[in-house]
Amino acid sequence: MIWPTRSELITYTVVALVFCIVMTAIVTTLDYGFTQLVFAVFG
């Protein structure tokens, strides 16, 4: 079994966190946009 080095582990962790933050921002933005669209269409 091969274990990642400390720098690899830090890099992978940062990449995973950034990916999660970016995806959360995208989903939140889409949710807000669709909410505003629904309110505009249906009052």
PDB file of N, CA and C in Angstrom:
ATOM      1  N   MET A   1       0.849  -1.187   0.000  1.00  0.00           N
ATOM      2  CA  MET A   1       0.000   0.000   0.000  1.00  0.00           C
ATOM      3  C   MET A   1       0.887   1.241   0.000  1.00  0.00           C
ATOM      4  N   ILE A   2       0.491   2.220  -0.811  1.00  0.00           N
ATOM      5  CA  ILE A   2       1.269   3.451  -0.919  1.00  0.00           C
ATOM      6  C   ILE A   2       0.484   4.582  -0.262  1.00  0.00           C
ATOM      7  N   TRP A   3       1.109   5.263   0.673  1.00  0.00           N
ATOM      8  CA  TRP A   3       0.478   6.377   1.367  1.00  0.00           C
ATOM      9  C   TRP A   3       0.915   7.685   0.711  1.00  0.00           C
ATOM     10  N   PRO A   4       0.023   8.677   0.644  1.00  0.00           N
ATOM     11  CA  PRO A   4       0.427   9.969   0.077  1.00  0.00           C
ATOM     12  C   PRO A   4       1.383  10.700   1.017  1.00  0.00           C
ATOM     13  N   THR A   5       2.259  11.488   0.420  1.00  0.00           N
ATOM     14  CA  THR A   5       3.154  12.289   1.246  1.00  0.00           C
ATOM     15  C   THR A   5       2.348  13.403   1.907  1.00  0.00           C
ATOM     16  N   ARG A   6       2.964  14.085   2.845  1.00  0.00           N
ATOM     17  CA  ARG A   6       2.275  15.156   3.558  1.00  0.00           C
ATOM     18  C   ARG A   6       1.838  16.258   2.591  1.00  0.00           C
ATOM     19  N   SER A   7       2.704  16.652   1.666  1.00  0.00           N
ATOM     20  CA  SER A   7       2.354  17.718   0.723  1.00  0.00           C
ATOM     21  C   SER A   7       1.244  17.271  -0.227  1.00  0.00           C
ATOM     22  N   GLU A   8       1.266  16.010  -0.652  1.00  0.00           N
ATOM     23  CA  GLU A   8       0.189  15.504  -1.504  1.00  0.00           C
ATOM     24  C   GLU A   8      -1.130  15.518  -0.753  1.00  0.00           C
ATOM     25  N   LEU A   9      -1.103  15.100   0.490  1.00  0.00           N
ATOM     26  CA  LEU A   9      -2.316  15.067   1.293  1.00  0.00           C
ATOM     27  C   LEU A   9      -2.895  16.469   1.469  1.00  0.00           C
ATOM     28  N   ILE A  10      -2.036  17.437   1.727  1.00  0.00           N
ATOM     29  CA  ILE A  10      -2.496  18.823   1.876  1.00  0.00           C
ATOM     30  C   ILE A  10      -3.078  19.318   0.555  1.00  0.00           C
ATOM     31  N   THR A  11      -2.396  19.014  -0.547  1.00  0.00           N
ATOM     32  CA  THR A  11      -2.888  19.435  -1.864  1.00  0.00           C
ATOM     33  C   THR A  11      -4.251  18.829  -2.159  1.00  0.00           C
ATOM     34  N   TYR A  12      -4.399  17.527  -1.945  1.00  0.00           N
ATOM     35  CA  TYR A  12      -5.671  16.863  -2.207  1.00  0.00           C
ATOM     36  C   TYR A  12      -6.784  17.429  -1.328  1.00  0.00           C
ATOM     37  N   THR A  13      -6.467  17.714  -0.076  1.00  0.00           N
ATOM     38  CA  THR A  13      -7.461  18.261   0.842  1.00  0.00           C
ATOM     39  C   THR A  13      -7.911  19.640   0.390  1.00  0.00           C
ATOM     40  N   VAL A  14      -6.961  20.489   0.000  1.00  0.00           N
ATOM     41  CA  VAL A  14      -7.301  21.838  -0.462  1.00  0.00           C
ATOM     42  C   VAL A  14      -8.141  21.760  -1.737  1.00  0.00           C
ATOM     43  N   VAL A  15      -7.772  20.894  -2.663  1.00  0.00           N
ATOM     44  CA  VAL A  15      -8.537  20.747  -3.906  1.00  0.00           C
ATOM     45  C   VAL A  15      -9.960  20.299  -3.601  1.00  0.00           C
ATOM     46  N   ALA A  16     -10.117  19.341  -2.708  1.00  0.00           N
ATOM     47  CA  ALA A  16     -11.450  18.850  -2.358  1.00  0.00           C
ATOM     48  C   ALA A  16     -12.284  19.954  -1.709  1.00  0.00           C
ATOM     49  N   LEU A  17     -11.690  20.728  -0.806  1.00  0.00           N
ATOM     50  CA  LEU A  17     -12.421  21.803  -0.142  1.00  0.00           C
ATOM     51  C   LEU A  17     -12.827  22.883  -1.138  1.00  0.00           C
ATOM     52  N   VAL A  18     -11.904  23.276  -2.018  1.00  0.00           N
ATOM     53  CA  VAL A  18     -12.219  24.300  -3.016  1.00  0.00           C
ATOM     54  C   VAL A  18     -13.330  23.805  -3.933  1.00  0.00           C
ATOM     55  N   PHE A  19     -13.267  22.546  -4.343  1.00  0.00           N
ATOM     56  CA  PHE A  19     -14.308  21.982  -5.197  1.00  0.00           C
ATOM     57  C   PHE A  19     -15.662  22.050  -4.493  1.00  0.00           C
ATOM     58  N   CYS A  20     -15.712  21.674  -3.229  1.00  0.00           N
ATOM     59  CA  CYS A  20     -16.970  21.714  -2.476  1.00  0.00           C
ATOM     60  C   CYS A  20     -17.492  23.141  -2.355  1.00  0.00           C
ATOM     61  N   ILE A  21     -16.612  24.094  -2.101  1.00  0.00           N
ATOM     62  CA  ILE A  21     -17.033  25.494  -1.976  1.00  0.00           C
ATOM     63  C   ILE A  21     -17.579  26.013  -3.300  1.00  0.00           C
ATOM     64  N   VAL A  22     -16.893  25.697  -4.399  1.00  0.00           N
ATOM     65  CA  VAL A  22     -17.340  26.153  -5.716  1.00  0.00           C
ATOM     66  C   VAL A  22     -18.690  25.537  -6.069  1.00  0.00           C
ATOM     67  N   MET A  23     -18.851  24.247  -5.836  1.00  0.00           N
ATOM     68  CA  MET A  23     -20.115  23.592  -6.154  1.00  0.00           C
ATOM     69  C   MET A  23     -21.251  24.146  -5.286  1.00  0.00           C
ATOM     70  N   THR A  24     -20.977  24.418  -4.022  1.00  0.00           N
ATOM     71  CA  THR A  24     -21.983  25.009  -3.141  1.00  0.00           C
ATOM     72  C   THR A  24     -22.397  26.382  -3.652  1.00  0.00           C
ATOM     73  N   ALA A  25     -21.434  27.171  -4.099  1.00  0.00           N
ATOM     74  CA  ALA A  25     -21.744  28.500  -4.633  1.00  0.00           C
ATOM     75  C   ALA A  25     -22.603  28.393  -5.888  1.00  0.00           C
ATOM     76  N   ILE A  26     -22.281  27.456  -6.766  1.00  0.00           N
ATOM     77  CA  ILE A  26     -23.059  27.288  -7.997  1.00  0.00           C
ATOM     78  C   ILE A  26     -24.489  26.869  -7.680  1.00  0.00           C
ATOM     79  N   VAL A  27     -24.653  25.886  -6.808  1.00  0.00           N
ATOM     80  CA  VAL A  27     -25.996  25.400  -6.467  1.00  0.00           C
ATOM     81  C   VAL A  27     -26.793  26.496  -5.765  1.00  0.00           C
ATOM     82  N   THR A  28     -26.156  27.240  -4.879  1.00  0.00           N
ATOM     83  CA  THR A  28     -26.844  28.327  -4.179  1.00  0.00           C
ATOM     84  C   THR A  28     -27.300  29.397  -5.155  1.00  0.00           C
ATOM     85  N   THR A  29     -26.433  29.748  -6.099  1.00  0.00           N
ATOM     86  CA  THR A  29     -26.784  30.751  -7.099  1.00  0.00           C
ATOM     87  C   THR A  29     -27.950  30.285  -7.964  1.00  0.00           C
ATOM     88  N   LEU A  30     -27.899  29.033  -8.422  1.00  0.00           N
ATOM     89  CA  LEU A  30     -28.996  28.503  -9.225  1.00  0.00           C
ATOM     90  C   LEU A  30     -30.296  28.466  -8.426  1.00  0.00           C
ATOM     91  N   ASP A  31     -30.216  28.062  -7.168  1.00  0.00           N
ATOM     92  CA  ASP A  31     -31.407  28.000  -6.323  1.00  0.00           C
ATOM     93  C   ASP A  31     -32.014  29.387  -6.152  1.00  0.00           C
ATOM     94  N   TYR A  32     -31.157  30.376  -5.894  1.00  0.00           N
ATOM     95  CA  TYR A  32     -31.645  31.754  -5.746  1.00  0.00           C
ATOM     96  C   TYR A  32     -32.283  32.242  -7.046  1.00  0.00           C
ATOM     97  N   GLY A  33     -31.631  31.961  -8.168  1.00  0.00           N
ATOM     98  CA  GLY A  33     -32.163  32.386  -9.460  1.00  0.00           C
ATOM     99  C   GLY A  33     -33.504  31.757  -9.764  1.00  0.00           C
ATOM    100  N   PHE A  34     -33.623  30.442  -9.544  1.00  0.00           N
ATOM    101  CA  PHE A  34     -34.899  29.771  -9.800  1.00  0.00           C
ATOM    102  C   PHE A  34     -35.979  30.259  -8.845  1.00  0.00           C
ATOM    103  N   THR A  35     -35.621  30.558  -7.612  1.00  0.00           N
ATOM    104  CA  THR A  35     -36.590  31.097  -6.658  1.00  0.00           C
ATOM    105  C   THR A  35     -37.124  32.439  -7.140  1.00  0.00           C
ATOM    106  N   GLN A  36     -36.227  33.310  -7.588  1.00  0.00           N
ATOM    107  CA  GLN A  36     -36.658  34.608  -8.098  1.00  0.00           C
ATOM    108  C   GLN A  36     -37.517  34.440  -9.348  1.00  0.00           C
ATOM    109  N   LEU A  37     -37.167  33.498 -10.206  1.00  0.00           N
ATOM    110  CA  LEU A  37     -37.941  33.237 -11.416  1.00  0.00           C
ATOM    111  C   LEU A  37     -39.357  32.757 -11.069  1.00  0.00           C
ATOM    112  N   VAL A  38     -39.466  31.861 -10.118  1.00  0.00           N
ATOM    113  CA  VAL A  38     -40.773  31.349  -9.717  1.00  0.00           C
ATOM    114  C   VAL A  38     -41.620  32.468  -9.126  1.00  0.00           C
ATOM    115  N   PHE A  39     -41.009  33.310  -8.285  1.00  0.00           N
ATOM    116  CA  PHE A  39     -41.761  34.429  -7.722  1.00  0.00           C
ATOM    117  C   PHE A  39     -42.197  35.407  -8.811  1.00  0.00           C
ATOM    118  N   ALA A  40     -41.360  35.614  -9.811  1.00  0.00           N
ATOM    119  CA  ALA A  40     -41.706  36.535 -10.897  1.00  0.00           C
ATOM    120  C   ALA A  40     -42.836  35.978 -11.746  1.00  0.00           C
ATOM    121  N   VAL A  41     -42.843  34.667 -11.968  1.00  0.00           N
ATOM    122  CA  VAL A  41     -43.862  34.057 -12.829  1.00  0.00           C
ATOM    123  C   VAL A  41     -45.191  33.885 -12.086  1.00  0.00           C
ATOM    124  N   PHE A  42     -45.110  33.379 -10.871  1.00  0.00           N
ATOM    125  CA  PHE A  42     -46.334  33.047 -10.132  1.00  0.00           C
ATOM    126  C   PHE A  42     -46.732  34.080  -9.088  1.00  0.00           C
ATOM    127  N   GLY A  43     -45.958  35.110  -8.928  1.00  0.00           N
ATOM    128  CA  GLY A  43     -46.308  36.166  -7.979  1.00  0.00           C
ATOM    129  C   GLY A  43     -45.870  35.796  -6.616  1.00  0.00           C
TER     130      GLY A  43
END
